[in-house]
Amino acid sequence: MSAETANRTWRGPSAARRREILLSTKTIAIVGASANPARASYFVNRYLASTSDYTVWLVNPTIDEIDGAPVYPSLADLPGVPDMVDVFRRYD
């Protein structure tokens, strides 16, 4: 076992705890939101907006709106504190 593997101690939440988290979440911020339909962040935004009761806040400093929804330049600019933050980053 490598030193890197031995130092890994974090374990993700159980399925039951993940369900609790999702049921208690009301607001989700998508950091790295994109207006490009080929991007995963665009799909996630559209999916959440069309199939859930979550309030979705989009964050990207280079875009003002996506499909008519406002896009905030940073998490600090959101109208409230999100319950969950989904971060999308470019590969590089």
Protein backbone atom coordinates (compact mmCIF):
# COMPACT_ATOMS: atom_id res chain seq x y z
CA MET A 1 0.00 0.00 0.00
CA SER A 2 1.38 3.40 -0.95
CA ALA A 3 1.66 6.29 1.50
CA GLU A 4 -0.96 8.16 -0.52
CA THR A 5 -3.46 5.30 -0.14
CA ALA A 6 -2.69 4.88 3.57
CA ASN A 7 -3.40 8.57 4.24
CA ARG A 8 -6.89 8.47 2.75
CA THR A 9 -9.28 8.55 5.67
CA TRP A 10 -12.33 10.39 4.33
CA ARG A 11 -15.33 8.26 3.55
CA GLY A 12 -18.37 9.57 1.73
CA PRO A 13 -21.78 9.56 3.38
CA SER A 14 -23.92 6.44 3.31
CA ALA A 15 -26.80 6.15 0.86
CA ALA A 16 -29.26 6.98 3.65
CA ARG A 17 -27.30 10.10 4.60
CA ARG A 18 -27.05 11.22 0.95
CA ARG A 19 -30.83 10.92 0.72
CA GLU A 20 -31.24 13.01 3.90
CA ILE A 21 -28.93 15.67 2.44
CA LEU A 22 -30.86 15.83 -0.83
CA LEU A 23 -34.23 15.96 0.93
CA SER A 24 -33.12 18.80 3.21
CA THR A 25 -31.53 20.82 0.40
CA LYS A 26 -33.59 23.73 -0.91
CA THR A 27 -31.02 25.82 -2.80
CA ILE A 28 -28.17 24.71 -5.06
CA ALA A 29 -25.46 26.92 -6.54
CA ILE A 30 -23.86 25.72 -9.75
CA VAL A 31 -20.36 27.19 -9.94
CA GLY A 32 -18.96 27.14 -13.45
CA ALA A 33 -22.41 27.31 -15.04
CA SER A 34 -22.27 27.35 -18.82
CA ALA A 35 -24.62 28.50 -21.58
CA ASN A 36 -23.15 25.80 -23.84
CA PRO A 37 -25.59 22.85 -24.10
CA ALA A 38 -22.63 20.51 -24.64
CA ARG A 39 -21.32 21.19 -21.12
CA ALA A 40 -22.28 19.07 -18.13
CA SER A 41 -23.09 22.15 -16.02
CA TYR A 42 -25.69 23.22 -18.58
CA PHE A 43 -27.34 19.80 -18.50
CA VAL A 44 -27.36 19.69 -14.69
CA ASN A 45 -28.89 23.16 -14.51
CA ARG A 46 -31.64 22.29 -17.01
CA TYR A 47 -32.34 18.95 -15.33
CA LEU A 48 -32.64 20.44 -11.84
CA ALA A 49 -34.73 23.36 -13.07
CA SER A 50 -37.17 21.12 -14.94
CA THR A 51 -37.47 18.13 -12.60
CA SER A 52 -37.07 19.42 -9.05
CA ASP A 53 -38.24 22.01 -6.56
CA TYR A 54 -34.69 23.21 -5.87
CA THR A 55 -33.90 26.88 -6.26
CA VAL A 56 -30.87 26.89 -8.56
CA TRP A 57 -28.42 29.80 -8.55
CA LEU A 58 -25.90 29.96 -11.38
CA VAL A 59 -22.37 31.26 -10.82
CA ASN A 60 -19.91 32.32 -13.52
CA PRO A 61 -18.01 35.62 -13.64
CA THR A 62 -18.10 35.80 -17.45
CA ILE A 63 -21.85 35.35 -18.14
CA ASP A 64 -24.84 37.54 -17.19
CA GLU A 65 -27.63 35.06 -17.86
CA ILE A 66 -28.38 31.56 -19.09
CA ASP A 67 -31.74 30.85 -20.69
CA GLY A 68 -33.17 33.94 -19.01
CA ALA A 69 -31.89 33.04 -15.53
CA PRO A 70 -29.45 35.46 -13.86
CA VAL A 71 -25.86 34.34 -13.44
CA TYR A 72 -23.95 35.70 -10.44
CA PRO A 73 -20.23 36.50 -10.67
CA SER A 74 -19.35 34.70 -7.40
CA LEU A 75 -20.81 32.80 -4.47
CA ALA A 76 -20.55 36.00 -2.42
CA ASP A 77 -22.97 37.70 -4.84
CA LEU A 78 -25.79 35.15 -4.42
CA PRO A 79 -29.04 36.36 -2.81
CA GLY A 80 -28.56 33.86 0.02
CA VAL A 81 -26.37 31.04 1.29
CA PRO A 82 -26.88 27.89 -0.79
CA ASP A 83 -27.52 24.57 0.91
CA MET A 84 -25.38 22.81 -1.68
CA VAL A 85 -22.69 23.91 -4.13
CA ASP A 86 -22.02 21.94 -7.30
CA VAL A 87 -18.66 22.91 -8.82
CA PHE A 88 -17.76 22.42 -12.47
CA ARG A 89 -14.18 23.11 -13.52
CA ARG A 90 -12.43 22.98 -16.84
CA TYR A 91 -10.12 20.02 -17.28
CA ASP A 92 -7.03 22.21 -17.43
